[in-house]
Amino acid sequence: MMSRNNIHAYYHIVFSTKQREPMITTQMQSSLYKMLWNKCIEIGCDPIMINGMEDHVHILMHANPLVSISKTLKDIKGSSSRWMNDNYEFLESFTWQRGYGLFTVSPEEVPKIASYIQNQKSHHANKSVIDDFEI
């Protein structure tokens, strides 16, 4: 019998800008990803890889098992949209689309998913974010 919890909750999360507008310029991306990385740590998650494109972000993380994933995403999306509006000028305020994609990842698949996220630019040269969600 186990004497302590042993939880491996790895998630690949994808969320888009409102109406998938290309609002995240290449000049903003590294600062946004750093902010997201720090926010993950602040809320007790272990980020593994963060990257994206002008209209969406991918996060691979080991989630905090003491906080619901919906609360985790609410914190990440809310704080990052406020941060974007505080740090950059937009014609209309920056917001994320309401929903998100959430995929569980086995520990064995973490390196493969991390590589996929790291290589977003080359991946999306041939596919749109919509294609990624089609079954």
C-alpha atoms as a PDB file:
ATOM      1  CA  MET A   1       0.000   0.000   0.000  1.00  0.00           C
ATOM      2  CA  MET A   2       1.271   3.526  -0.835  1.00  0.00           C
ATOM      3  CA  SER A   3       2.000   5.861   2.044  1.00  0.00           C
ATOM      4  CA  ARG A   4       1.808   9.066  -0.024  1.00  0.00           C
ATOM      5  CA  ASN A   5       0.237  10.413  -3.181  1.00  0.00           C
ATOM      6  CA  ASN A   6       1.972   9.774  -6.468  1.00  0.00           C
ATOM      7  CA  ILE A   7       0.250  11.940  -9.080  1.00  0.00           C
ATOM      8  CA  HIS A   8       1.493  12.486 -12.621  1.00  0.00           C
ATOM      9  CA  ALA A   9      -0.934  14.933 -14.234  1.00  0.00           C
ATOM     10  CA  TYR A  10       0.636  16.102 -17.490  1.00  0.00           C
ATOM     11  CA  TYR A  11      -1.469  18.297 -19.749  1.00  0.00           C
ATOM     12  CA  HIS A  12      -1.050  19.741 -23.220  1.00  0.00           C
ATOM     13  CA  ILE A  13      -3.183  22.896 -23.286  1.00  0.00           C
ATOM     14  CA  VAL A  14      -4.013  25.021 -26.312  1.00  0.00           C
ATOM     15  CA  PHE A  15      -5.926  28.285 -26.318  1.00  0.00           C
ATOM     16  CA  SER A  16      -6.474  30.913 -28.976  1.00  0.00           C
ATOM     17  CA  THR A  17      -6.825  34.641 -29.227  1.00  0.00           C
ATOM     18  CA  LYS A  18     -10.389  35.901 -29.578  1.00  0.00           C
ATOM     19  CA  GLN A  19     -11.687  34.992 -33.036  1.00  0.00           C
ATOM     20  CA  ARG A  20      -8.208  33.600 -33.738  1.00  0.00           C
ATOM     21  CA  GLU A  21      -6.947  37.072 -34.594  1.00  0.00           C
ATOM     22  CA  PRO A  22      -3.134  37.149 -35.101  1.00  0.00           C
ATOM     23  CA  MET A  23      -2.558  39.502 -32.143  1.00  0.00           C
ATOM     24  CA  ILE A  24       0.610  37.968 -30.669  1.00  0.00           C
ATOM     25  CA  THR A  25       3.423  39.442 -32.740  1.00  0.00           C
ATOM     26  CA  THR A  26       6.836  37.811 -32.853  1.00  0.00           C
ATOM     27  CA  GLN A  27       8.130  40.719 -30.736  1.00  0.00           C
ATOM     28  CA  MET A  28       5.602  39.855 -27.989  1.00  0.00           C
ATOM     29  CA  GLN A  29       5.960  36.103 -28.004  1.00  0.00           C
ATOM     30  CA  SER A  30       9.031  35.513 -25.851  1.00  0.00           C
ATOM     31  CA  SER A  31       7.844  37.969 -23.183  1.00  0.00           C
ATOM     32  CA  LEU A  32       4.373  36.415 -23.143  1.00  0.00           C
ATOM     33  CA  TYR A  33       5.789  32.901 -22.894  1.00  0.00           C
ATOM     34  CA  LYS A  34       8.062  33.949 -20.022  1.00  0.00           C
ATOM     35  CA  MET A  35       5.065  35.510 -18.244  1.00  0.00           C
ATOM     36  CA  LEU A  36       3.045  32.308 -18.763  1.00  0.00           C
ATOM     37  CA  TRP A  37       5.972  30.203 -17.500  1.00  0.00           C
ATOM     38  CA  ASN A  38       6.234  32.290 -14.328  1.00  0.00           C
ATOM     39  CA  LYS A  39       2.455  32.188 -13.793  1.00  0.00           C
ATOM     40  CA  CYS A  40       2.472  28.398 -14.033  1.00  0.00           C
ATOM     41  CA  ILE A  41       5.150  28.239 -11.342  1.00  0.00           C
ATOM     42  CA  GLU A  42       3.281  30.776  -9.184  1.00  0.00           C
ATOM     43  CA  ILE A  43       0.152  28.597  -9.141  1.00  0.00           C
ATOM     44  CA  GLY A  44       2.060  25.413  -8.373  1.00  0.00           C
ATOM     45  CA  CYS A  45       2.386  23.888 -11.840  1.00  0.00           C
ATOM     46  CA  ASP A  46       5.629  22.769 -13.442  1.00  0.00           C
ATOM     47  CA  PRO A  47       5.832  24.140 -16.995  1.00  0.00           C
ATOM     48  CA  ILE A  48       7.720  21.958 -19.443  1.00  0.00           C
ATOM     49  CA  MET A  49       7.279  23.765 -22.767  1.00  0.00           C
ATOM     50  CA  ILE A  50       5.437  26.913 -23.882  1.00  0.00           C
ATOM     51  CA  ASN A  51       5.278  28.123 -27.461  1.00  0.00           C
ATOM     52  CA  GLY A  52       2.753  29.140 -30.054  1.00  0.00           C
ATOM     53  CA  MET A  53       1.887  31.279 -33.009  1.00  0.00           C
ATOM     54  CA  GLU A  54       0.334  34.691 -33.605  1.00  0.00           C
ATOM     55  CA  ASP A  55      -3.144  33.364 -32.783  1.00  0.00           C
ATOM     56  CA  HIS A  56      -2.670  30.621 -30.186  1.00  0.00           C
ATOM     57  CA  VAL A  57      -0.500  29.275 -27.370  1.00  0.00           C
ATOM     58  CA  HIS A  58       0.505  25.742 -26.363  1.00  0.00           C
ATOM     59  CA  ILE A  59       1.476  24.880 -22.796  1.00  0.00           C
ATOM     60  CA  LEU A  60       2.808  21.507 -21.672  1.00  0.00           C
ATOM     61  CA  MET A  61       2.779  21.270 -17.903  1.00  0.00           C
ATOM     62  CA  HIS A  62       2.779  19.001 -14.922  1.00  0.00           C
ATOM     63  CA  ALA A  63      -0.352  20.326 -13.222  1.00  0.00           C
ATOM     64  CA  ASN A  64      -0.853  21.085  -9.551  1.00  0.00           C
ATOM     65  CA  PRO A  65      -3.028  18.172  -8.363  1.00  0.00           C
ATOM     66  CA  LEU A  66      -4.517  20.299  -5.566  1.00  0.00           C
ATOM     67  CA  VAL A  67      -6.145  22.789  -7.966  1.00  0.00           C
ATOM     68  CA  SER A  68      -8.773  21.996 -10.583  1.00  0.00           C
ATOM     69  CA  ILE A  69      -7.622  22.328 -14.161  1.00  0.00           C
ATOM     70  CA  SER A  70     -10.466  24.773 -14.897  1.00  0.00           C
ATOM     71  CA  LYS A  71      -9.238  27.043 -12.068  1.00  0.00           C
ATOM     72  CA  THR A  72      -5.677  26.690 -13.340  1.00  0.00           C
ATOM     73  CA  LEU A  73      -6.695  27.762 -16.857  1.00  0.00           C
ATOM     74  CA  LYS A  74      -8.850  30.606 -15.557  1.00  0.00           C
ATOM     75  CA  ASP A  75      -5.833  31.945 -13.633  1.00  0.00           C
ATOM     76  CA  ILE A  76      -3.433  31.531 -16.560  1.00  0.00           C
ATOM     77  CA  LYS A  77      -5.718  33.034 -19.199  1.00  0.00           C
ATOM     78  CA  GLY A  78      -7.013  35.853 -16.995  1.00  0.00           C
ATOM     79  CA  SER A  79      -3.638  37.009 -15.739  1.00  0.00           C
ATOM     80  CA  SER A  80      -2.020  36.754 -19.181  1.00  0.00           C
ATOM     81  CA  SER A  81      -4.749  38.782 -20.923  1.00  0.00           C
ATOM     82  CA  ARG A  82      -4.418  41.490 -18.236  1.00  0.00           C
ATOM     83  CA  TRP A  83      -0.634  41.387 -18.648  1.00  0.00           C
ATOM     84  CA  MET A  84      -0.905  41.726 -22.441  1.00  0.00           C
ATOM     85  CA  ASN A  85      -3.195  44.762 -22.128  1.00  0.00           C
ATOM     86  CA  ASP A  86      -0.914  46.356 -19.501  1.00  0.00           C
ATOM     87  CA  ASN A  87       2.223  45.868 -21.594  1.00  0.00           C
ATOM     88  CA  TYR A  88       1.129  46.331 -25.211  1.00  0.00           C
ATOM     89  CA  GLU A  89      -1.151  48.603 -27.215  1.00  0.00           C
ATOM     90  CA  PHE A  90      -4.048  47.048 -29.132  1.00  0.00           C
ATOM     91  CA  LEU A  91      -6.784  48.635 -31.239  1.00  0.00           C
ATOM     92  CA  GLU A  92      -9.260  46.618 -29.175  1.00  0.00           C
ATOM     93  CA  SER A  93      -8.352  45.017 -25.865  1.00  0.00           C
ATOM     94  CA  PHE A  94      -6.517  41.698 -25.975  1.00  0.00           C
ATOM     95  CA  THR A  95      -8.625  38.709 -24.951  1.00  0.00           C
ATOM     96  CA  TRP A  96      -8.419  34.964 -25.266  1.00  0.00           C
ATOM     97  CA  GLN A  97     -11.185  32.893 -26.795  1.00  0.00           C
ATOM     98  CA  ARG A  98     -13.512  31.412 -24.148  1.00  0.00           C
ATOM     99  CA  GLY A  99     -12.610  27.760 -24.519  1.00  0.00           C
ATOM    100  CA  TYR A 100      -9.420  25.750 -24.665  1.00  0.00           C
ATOM    101  CA  GLY A 101      -8.122  22.367 -25.732  1.00  0.00           C
ATOM    102  CA  LEU A 102      -6.896  20.110 -22.944  1.00  0.00           C
ATOM    103  CA  PHE A 103      -5.152  16.819 -23.632  1.00  0.00           C
ATOM    104  CA  THR A 104      -3.754  14.413 -21.068  1.00  0.00           C
ATOM    105  CA  VAL A 105      -0.216  13.259 -21.751  1.00  0.00           C
ATOM    106  CA  SER A 106       1.412  10.091 -20.461  1.00  0.00           C
ATOM    107  CA  PRO A 107       4.871  10.551 -18.920  1.00  0.00           C
ATOM    108  CA  GLU A 108       6.367   8.567 -21.816  1.00  0.00           C
ATOM    109  CA  GLU A 109       4.880  11.000 -24.363  1.00  0.00           C
ATOM    110  CA  VAL A 110       6.124  14.215 -22.674  1.00  0.00           C
ATOM    111  CA  PRO A 111       9.325  14.501 -24.811  1.00  0.00           C
ATOM    112  CA  LYS A 112       7.368  13.983 -28.051  1.00  0.00           C
ATOM    113  CA  ILE A 113       4.739  16.614 -27.143  1.00  0.00           C
ATOM    114  CA  ALA A 114       7.436  19.034 -25.952  1.00  0.00           C
ATOM    115  CA  SER A 115       9.168  18.694 -29.327  1.00  0.00           C
ATOM    116  CA  TYR A 116       5.875  19.247 -31.162  1.00  0.00           C
ATOM    117  CA  ILE A 117       5.248  22.432 -29.159  1.00  0.00           C
ATOM    118  CA  GLN A 118       8.812  23.665 -29.615  1.00  0.00           C
ATOM    119  CA  ASN A 119       8.486  23.282 -33.393  1.00  0.00           C
ATOM    120  CA  GLN A 120       5.224  25.198 -33.846  1.00  0.00           C
ATOM    121  CA  LYS A 121       6.482  27.457 -36.628  1.00  0.00           C
ATOM    122  CA  SER A 122       7.499  24.579 -38.891  1.00  0.00           C
ATOM    123  CA  HIS A 123       4.419  22.554 -37.947  1.00  0.00           C
ATOM    124  CA  HIS A 124       2.033  25.374 -38.841  1.00  0.00           C
ATOM    125  CA  ALA A 125       3.777  26.099 -42.116  1.00  0.00           C
ATOM    126  CA  ASN A 126       1.673  23.204 -43.437  1.00  0.00           C
ATOM    127  CA  LYS A 127      -1.341  23.105 -41.075  1.00  0.00           C
ATOM    128  CA  SER A 128      -3.640  25.553 -39.352  1.00  0.00           C
ATOM    129  CA  VAL A 129      -4.586  25.355 -35.675  1.00  0.00           C
ATOM    130  CA  ILE A 130      -8.035  24.224 -36.855  1.00  0.00           C
ATOM    131  CA  ASP A 131      -6.446  21.181 -38.526  1.00  0.00           C
ATOM    132  CA  ASP A 132      -4.923  20.150 -35.190  1.00  0.00           C
ATOM    133  CA  PHE A 133      -8.376  19.749 -33.645  1.00  0.00           C
ATOM    134  CA  GLU A 134      -9.986  17.804 -36.474  1.00  0.00           C
ATOM    135  CA  ILE A 135     -10.473  14.112 -35.846  1.00  0.00           C
END
